[in-house]
Amino acid sequence: MAVCDARHVTAAAATLGMTQSAVSQQIKKLETSLNATLFDRTSRPLKLTRSGGILHRRAIRILDEVRDLKSELRHVQSSSLPVLRVALLASIATTLTPGLSDLVRGELNIPELSLSAGLATDHQAALKARSVDIAITSDPQCDLSEFEAIPILDEQYCLVLPEDYDGPVEDILDISERLSLVRFSSDVPVGRRTDQHLQRCRLELPCSMEADRASMVVAGVVTGKCFAILTPSLLVDAVAEGMDLRVAPLPIAGFKRSIVAIWRAGEMDDIPARIALESGRMLRQNFERLLPDIAGNVFYHT
């Protein structure tokens, strides 16, 4: 399968951490055992023969079955889990870590919690690859037919300004004359959503900086030269770390995003529901403590 993906023995060997000769020998052994030629070696890059194509299609199903079997055995009983792997949005990872650690090791009696922080797109790939068990993510774009999801909250976007900004907050065009917009890049979902909303509002705001992490966007605001359009969950870790900001209602038509817990269908028993409940509780607690002016605009499902 590695050679099929790479279409070159040398590239496949590098991916597998093997030598080129070792990979070639394995392919030859496979061809001998099946009494079939799998690759047309006269073409570059390599092409599958008809027999190779048949094996490739069957191998996909075989490997999927092996992954499903491993996952099913791993999740037969939640109490037998040696480790729970949870992916978190990077902007709320610090907020959620203490409570999830206490829940998993205490109430759920799972010896180890493995946490990873990233973007929503990272989470979707990790769930499909079965490298995580549960993701606390935003607005999932993947095919949910393979997954189950529990909504945690819906949150409104708001205006984020430098703490010492003393200009108007009622007109975003006035603000943009004093400060430039720092925004998420369009490569990430929150950036695309913001761009689409500004286009619907027929607004073209001067932008001096873009980034793919909330911490970098907020750091741009802290310089005193920029403003941003963010949600409470994109702000809470930065505020907890001492970044000084002024937060106000967005002076244009509102829009929102959702935070959800998502996992593979038919697995994990009641663990995802308990993870979702604890995540919602911690987010509510920290929003009310750190962002009291906008905490009331968050709707909680759990």
Protein backbone atom coordinates (compact mmCIF):
# COMPACT_ATOMS: atom_id res chain seq x y z
CA MET A 1 0.00 0.00 0.00
CA ALA A 2 2.88 2.38 0.71
CA VAL A 3 4.32 1.76 -2.77
CA CYS A 4 0.86 2.28 -4.30
CA ASP A 5 0.52 5.61 -2.53
CA ALA A 6 4.03 6.83 -3.38
CA ARG A 7 4.20 5.25 -6.85
CA HIS A 8 7.92 4.85 -6.19
CA VAL A 9 9.82 2.25 -4.15
CA THR A 10 12.37 4.74 -2.81
CA ALA A 11 9.70 7.15 -1.54
CA ALA A 12 7.73 4.28 0.01
CA ALA A 13 10.86 3.05 1.77
CA ALA A 14 11.48 6.49 3.26
CA THR A 15 7.88 6.62 4.54
CA LEU A 16 8.19 3.17 6.10
CA GLY A 17 11.65 3.73 7.56
CA MET A 18 13.05 0.83 5.51
CA THR A 19 15.70 0.46 2.86
CA GLN A 20 14.76 0.44 -0.81
CA SER A 21 16.07 -3.12 -1.21
CA ALA A 22 14.00 -4.37 1.74
CA VAL A 23 10.83 -2.93 0.23
CA SER A 24 11.66 -4.39 -3.17
CA GLN A 25 12.23 -7.80 -1.59
CA GLN A 26 8.89 -7.65 0.22
CA ILE A 27 7.07 -6.77 -3.02
CA LYS A 28 8.83 -9.64 -4.79
CA LYS A 29 7.87 -12.09 -2.03
CA LEU A 30 4.26 -10.93 -2.25
CA GLU A 31 4.23 -11.39 -6.02
CA THR A 32 5.74 -14.87 -5.65
CA SER A 33 3.21 -15.94 -3.03
CA LEU A 34 0.31 -14.67 -5.16
CA ASN A 35 1.85 -15.85 -8.45
CA ALA A 36 1.03 -12.46 -9.95
CA THR A 37 2.89 -9.34 -11.11
CA LEU A 38 1.59 -6.36 -9.12
CA PHE A 39 3.48 -3.41 -10.66
CA ASP A 40 4.36 -2.44 -14.20
CA ARG A 41 8.04 -1.69 -13.69
CA THR A 42 8.51 -0.27 -17.17
CA SER A 43 6.64 2.92 -16.30
CA ARG A 44 7.73 5.82 -14.10
CA PRO A 45 6.09 6.45 -11.75
CA LEU A 46 5.11 2.84 -11.11
CA LYS A 47 1.69 1.70 -12.24
CA LEU A 48 -0.40 -1.16 -10.93
CA THR A 49 -1.09 -4.10 -13.16
CA ARG A 50 -4.62 -5.48 -13.36
CA SER A 51 -3.73 -7.97 -10.62
CA GLY A 52 -2.19 -5.19 -8.57
CA GLY A 53 -5.36 -3.14 -8.87
CA ILE A 54 -7.48 -6.04 -7.61
CA LEU A 55 -5.15 -6.53 -4.64
CA HIS A 56 -5.11 -2.80 -3.92
CA ARG A 57 -8.91 -2.61 -3.71
CA ARG A 58 -9.07 -5.68 -1.48
CA ALA A 59 -6.18 -4.45 0.70
CA ILE A 60 -8.06 -1.23 1.48
CA ARG A 61 -10.94 -3.28 2.90
CA ILE A 62 -8.60 -5.63 4.75
CA LEU A 63 -6.71 -2.79 6.45
CA ASP A 64 -9.97 -1.03 7.33
CA GLU A 65 -11.19 -4.26 8.94
CA VAL A 66 -7.96 -4.55 10.94
CA ARG A 67 -8.31 -0.96 12.20
CA ASP A 68 -11.97 -1.52 13.06
CA LEU A 69 -11.10 -4.71 14.92
CA LYS A 70 -8.40 -2.98 16.95
CA SER A 71 -10.74 -0.14 17.81
CA GLU A 72 -13.61 -2.46 18.73
CA LEU A 73 -11.41 -4.55 21.01
CA ARG A 74 -9.98 -1.40 22.55
CA HIS A 75 -13.42 -0.05 23.39
CA VAL A 76 -15.24 -3.22 24.48
CA GLN A 77 -15.30 -1.92 28.04
CA SER A 78 -14.52 1.66 28.88
CA SER A 79 -13.07 0.57 32.20
CA SER A 80 -10.43 -1.44 30.34
CA LEU A 81 -9.11 1.58 28.40
CA PRO A 82 -5.42 2.06 29.23
CA VAL A 83 -5.43 5.56 27.71
CA LEU A 84 -8.07 8.00 26.46
CA ARG A 85 -6.97 10.18 23.53
CA VAL A 86 -8.73 13.55 23.30
CA ALA A 87 -8.10 16.25 20.70
CA LEU A 88 -8.86 19.84 21.75
CA LEU A 89 -9.14 23.14 19.96
CA ALA A 90 -5.86 24.91 20.62
CA SER A 91 -7.65 28.03 21.90
CA ILE A 92 -9.33 26.17 24.80
CA ALA A 93 -6.72 23.52 25.54
CA THR A 94 -5.37 25.26 28.66
CA THR A 95 -8.89 25.89 29.97
CA LEU A 96 -10.06 22.30 29.57
CA THR A 97 -6.96 20.34 30.58
CA PRO A 98 -7.28 20.43 34.41
CA GLY A 99 -10.93 19.37 34.55
CA LEU A 100 -10.58 16.65 31.91
CA SER A 101 -7.55 15.25 33.69
CA ASP A 102 -9.48 15.00 36.97
CA LEU A 103 -12.52 13.44 35.25
CA VAL A 104 -10.61 10.83 33.25
CA ARG A 105 -8.24 9.66 35.96
CA GLY A 106 -10.71 10.06 38.81
CA GLU A 107 -14.34 9.34 37.91
CA LEU A 108 -13.70 7.36 34.71
CA ASN A 109 -10.79 5.44 36.24
CA ILE A 110 -8.74 5.52 33.04
CA PRO A 111 -5.02 5.45 33.91
CA GLU A 112 -3.77 7.87 31.25
CA LEU A 113 -5.14 10.87 29.36
CA SER A 114 -3.44 11.83 26.09
CA LEU A 115 -4.29 15.37 24.92
CA SER A 116 -3.47 17.03 21.61
CA ALA A 117 -4.23 20.60 20.55
CA GLY A 118 -4.91 21.77 17.02
CA LEU A 119 -7.37 23.14 14.50
CA ALA A 120 -10.76 21.68 13.63
CA THR A 121 -9.33 20.37 10.36
CA ASP A 122 -6.61 18.53 12.31
CA HIS A 123 -9.29 16.86 14.42
CA GLN A 124 -11.26 15.56 11.47
CA ALA A 125 -8.17 13.92 9.99
CA ALA A 126 -7.20 12.45 13.37
CA LEU A 127 -10.66 10.95 13.92
CA LYS A 128 -10.66 9.37 10.47
CA ALA A 129 -7.19 7.94 11.08
CA ARG A 130 -8.26 6.69 14.54
CA SER A 131 -5.35 8.49 16.17
CA VAL A 132 -7.76 10.13 18.66
CA ASP A 133 -10.88 8.82 20.40
CA ILE A 134 -12.81 12.06 20.97
CA ALA A 135 -12.43 15.59 19.64
CA ILE A 136 -13.70 18.78 21.26
CA THR A 137 -13.89 20.81 18.08
CA SER A 138 -15.84 23.46 16.20
CA ASP A 139 -18.35 23.24 13.35
CA PRO A 140 -17.26 19.81 12.03
CA GLN A 141 -17.16 19.65 8.24
CA CYS A 142 -16.57 15.89 7.90
CA ASP A 143 -19.18 13.30 6.88
CA LEU A 144 -21.03 12.72 10.15
CA SER A 145 -22.51 9.40 9.00
CA GLU A 146 -19.48 7.67 10.53
CA PHE A 147 -19.56 9.70 13.74
CA GLU A 148 -21.69 10.76 16.66
CA ALA A 149 -21.67 14.27 18.05
CA ILE A 150 -22.92 16.09 21.14
CA PRO A 151 -23.32 19.89 20.90
CA ILE A 152 -21.68 21.70 23.80
CA LEU A 153 -22.33 25.38 23.11
CA ASP A 154 -23.09 28.05 20.53
CA GLU A 155 -21.19 31.33 20.82
CA GLN A 156 -21.47 34.72 19.15
CA TYR A 157 -18.52 36.48 17.54
CA CYS A 158 -17.54 39.73 19.23
CA LEU A 159 -15.26 42.72 18.76
CA VAL A 160 -11.79 42.50 20.36
CA LEU A 161 -9.82 45.71 20.85
CA PRO A 162 -6.65 46.81 22.65
CA GLU A 163 -7.33 47.48 26.31
CA ASP A 164 -6.46 51.19 26.02
CA TYR A 165 -8.51 51.80 22.85
CA ASP A 166 -10.65 54.89 23.51
CA GLY A 167 -12.27 55.37 20.11
CA PRO A 168 -15.80 54.51 18.93
CA VAL A 169 -17.10 50.95 19.15
CA GLU A 170 -20.50 51.44 17.47
CA ASP A 171 -19.25 51.61 13.86
CA ILE A 172 -16.78 49.05 12.54
CA LEU A 173 -15.75 51.35 9.69
CA ASP A 174 -14.76 54.04 12.20
CA ILE A 175 -12.76 51.43 14.09
CA SER A 176 -11.03 50.28 10.90
CA GLU A 177 -9.84 53.86 10.29
CA ARG A 178 -7.97 53.80 13.61
CA LEU A 179 -6.94 50.13 13.76
CA SER A 180 -6.27 47.48 11.15
CA LEU A 181 -7.89 44.05 11.25
CA VAL A 182 -5.88 41.04 12.40
CA ARG A 183 -7.65 37.94 11.21
CA PHE A 184 -7.47 34.20 10.81
CA SER A 185 -6.16 33.02 7.47
CA SER A 186 -8.71 31.66 5.02
CA ASP A 187 -6.98 28.27 5.22
CA VAL A 188 -8.74 27.57 8.54
CA PRO A 189 -12.52 27.25 9.05
CA VAL A 190 -12.88 30.22 11.40
CA GLY A 191 -11.08 32.44 8.89
CA ARG A 192 -13.31 31.34 6.03
CA ARG A 193 -16.43 31.85 8.14
CA THR A 194 -15.35 35.38 9.10
CA ASP A 195 -14.52 36.26 5.48
CA GLN A 196 -17.92 35.00 4.30
CA HIS A 197 -19.75 37.01 6.94
CA LEU A 198 -17.89 40.22 6.12
CA GLN A 199 -18.70 39.67 2.45
CA ARG A 200 -22.39 39.22 3.31
CA CYS A 201 -22.21 42.50 5.20
CA ARG A 202 -20.45 44.07 2.19
CA LEU A 203 -17.47 45.09 4.27
CA GLU A 204 -13.87 45.31 3.11
CA LEU A 205 -11.73 46.04 6.14
CA PRO A 206 -7.99 46.86 5.92
CA CYS A 207 -6.00 43.89 7.17
CA SER A 208 -2.37 44.09 8.31
CA MET A 209 -1.86 40.56 9.66
CA GLU A 210 -3.31 37.06 9.49
CA ALA A 211 -2.50 33.88 11.40
CA ASP A 212 -3.78 30.33 11.90
CA ARG A 213 -3.80 30.29 15.73
CA ALA A 214 -5.98 32.30 18.11
CA SER A 215 -2.99 33.12 20.32
CA MET A 216 -1.25 34.87 17.41
CA VAL A 217 -4.39 36.77 16.42
CA VAL A 218 -4.84 37.98 20.00
CA ALA A 219 -1.16 38.90 20.20
CA GLY A 220 -1.74 41.15 17.19
CA VAL A 221 -4.48 42.98 19.11
CA VAL A 222 -2.24 43.34 22.16
CA THR A 223 0.22 45.38 20.07
CA GLY A 224 -2.34 48.20 20.26
CA LYS A 225 -2.48 48.61 16.48
CA CYS A 226 -5.07 46.00 15.53
CA PHE A 227 -8.56 44.73 16.30
CA ALA A 228 -10.08 41.28 15.74
CA ILE A 229 -13.40 39.47 15.43
CA LEU A 230 -13.38 36.44 17.73
CA THR A 231 -15.57 34.27 19.97
CA PRO A 232 -15.23 33.64 23.72
CA SER A 233 -13.62 30.23 23.13
CA LEU A 234 -11.00 31.87 20.90
CA LEU A 235 -10.23 34.39 23.65
CA VAL A 236 -10.43 32.57 26.96
CA ASP A 237 -6.95 31.02 27.09
CA ALA A 238 -5.32 34.30 26.06
CA VAL A 239 -7.18 36.24 28.76
CA ALA A 240 -6.28 33.57 31.32
CA GLU A 241 -2.62 34.03 30.38
CA GLY A 242 -2.84 37.76 31.16
CA MET A 243 -3.29 39.38 27.75
CA ASP A 244 -5.06 42.72 28.27
CA LEU A 245 -8.00 43.24 25.93
CA ARG A 246 -11.21 45.19 25.56
CA VAL A 247 -14.17 43.08 24.40
CA ALA A 248 -17.38 44.60 23.04
CA PRO A 249 -20.45 43.46 21.07
CA LEU A 250 -19.89 43.21 17.33
CA PRO A 251 -21.37 46.37 15.70
CA ILE A 252 -22.56 44.49 12.59
CA ALA A 253 -25.01 41.64 12.02
CA GLY A 254 -24.06 38.82 14.36
CA PHE A 255 -22.82 35.36 13.51
CA LYS A 256 -21.80 32.38 15.61
CA ARG A 257 -19.96 29.10 15.78
CA SER A 258 -20.58 25.84 17.63
CA ILE A 259 -18.36 23.73 19.88
CA VAL A 260 -19.10 20.00 19.80
CA ALA A 261 -17.75 16.67 21.04
CA ILE A 262 -17.38 14.15 18.22
CA TRP A 263 -16.34 10.49 18.13
CA ARG A 264 -16.71 7.36 16.01
CA ALA A 265 -20.25 5.97 16.01
CA GLY A 266 -21.00 3.01 18.27
CA GLU A 267 -17.90 3.37 20.44
CA MET A 268 -16.88 4.75 23.82
CA ASP A 269 -20.11 4.02 25.77
CA ASP A 270 -21.01 7.10 27.87
CA ILE A 271 -17.48 8.54 27.94
CA PRO A 272 -18.06 11.20 25.22
CA ALA A 273 -21.20 12.48 26.96
CA ARG A 274 -19.28 12.91 30.21
CA ILE A 275 -16.36 14.59 28.44
CA ALA A 276 -18.82 16.96 26.72
CA LEU A 277 -20.59 17.75 29.99
CA GLU A 278 -17.33 18.54 31.79
CA SER A 279 -16.05 20.62 28.86
CA GLY A 280 -19.24 22.71 28.87
CA ARG A 281 -19.04 23.19 32.63
CA MET A 282 -15.42 24.37 32.51
CA LEU A 283 -16.02 26.70 29.58
CA ARG A 284 -19.04 28.28 31.26
CA GLN A 285 -17.12 28.73 34.50
CA ASN A 286 -14.16 30.39 32.79
CA PHE A 287 -16.26 32.57 30.48
CA GLU A 288 -18.19 33.93 33.47
CA ARG A 289 -14.98 34.56 35.42
CA LEU A 290 -12.74 35.94 32.67
CA LEU A 291 -15.17 37.38 30.08
CA PRO A 292 -18.19 38.53 32.09
CA ASP A 293 -19.23 41.19 29.54
CA ILE A 294 -19.90 38.62 26.81
CA ALA A 295 -20.46 35.40 28.78
CA GLY A 296 -24.23 35.90 28.69
CA ASN A 297 -24.23 35.62 24.90
CA VAL A 298 -23.19 31.95 24.98
CA PHE A 299 -25.88 29.25 24.70
CA TYR A 300 -25.04 25.94 26.39
CA HIS A 301 -26.42 22.57 25.31
CA THR A 302 -24.90 20.57 28.17
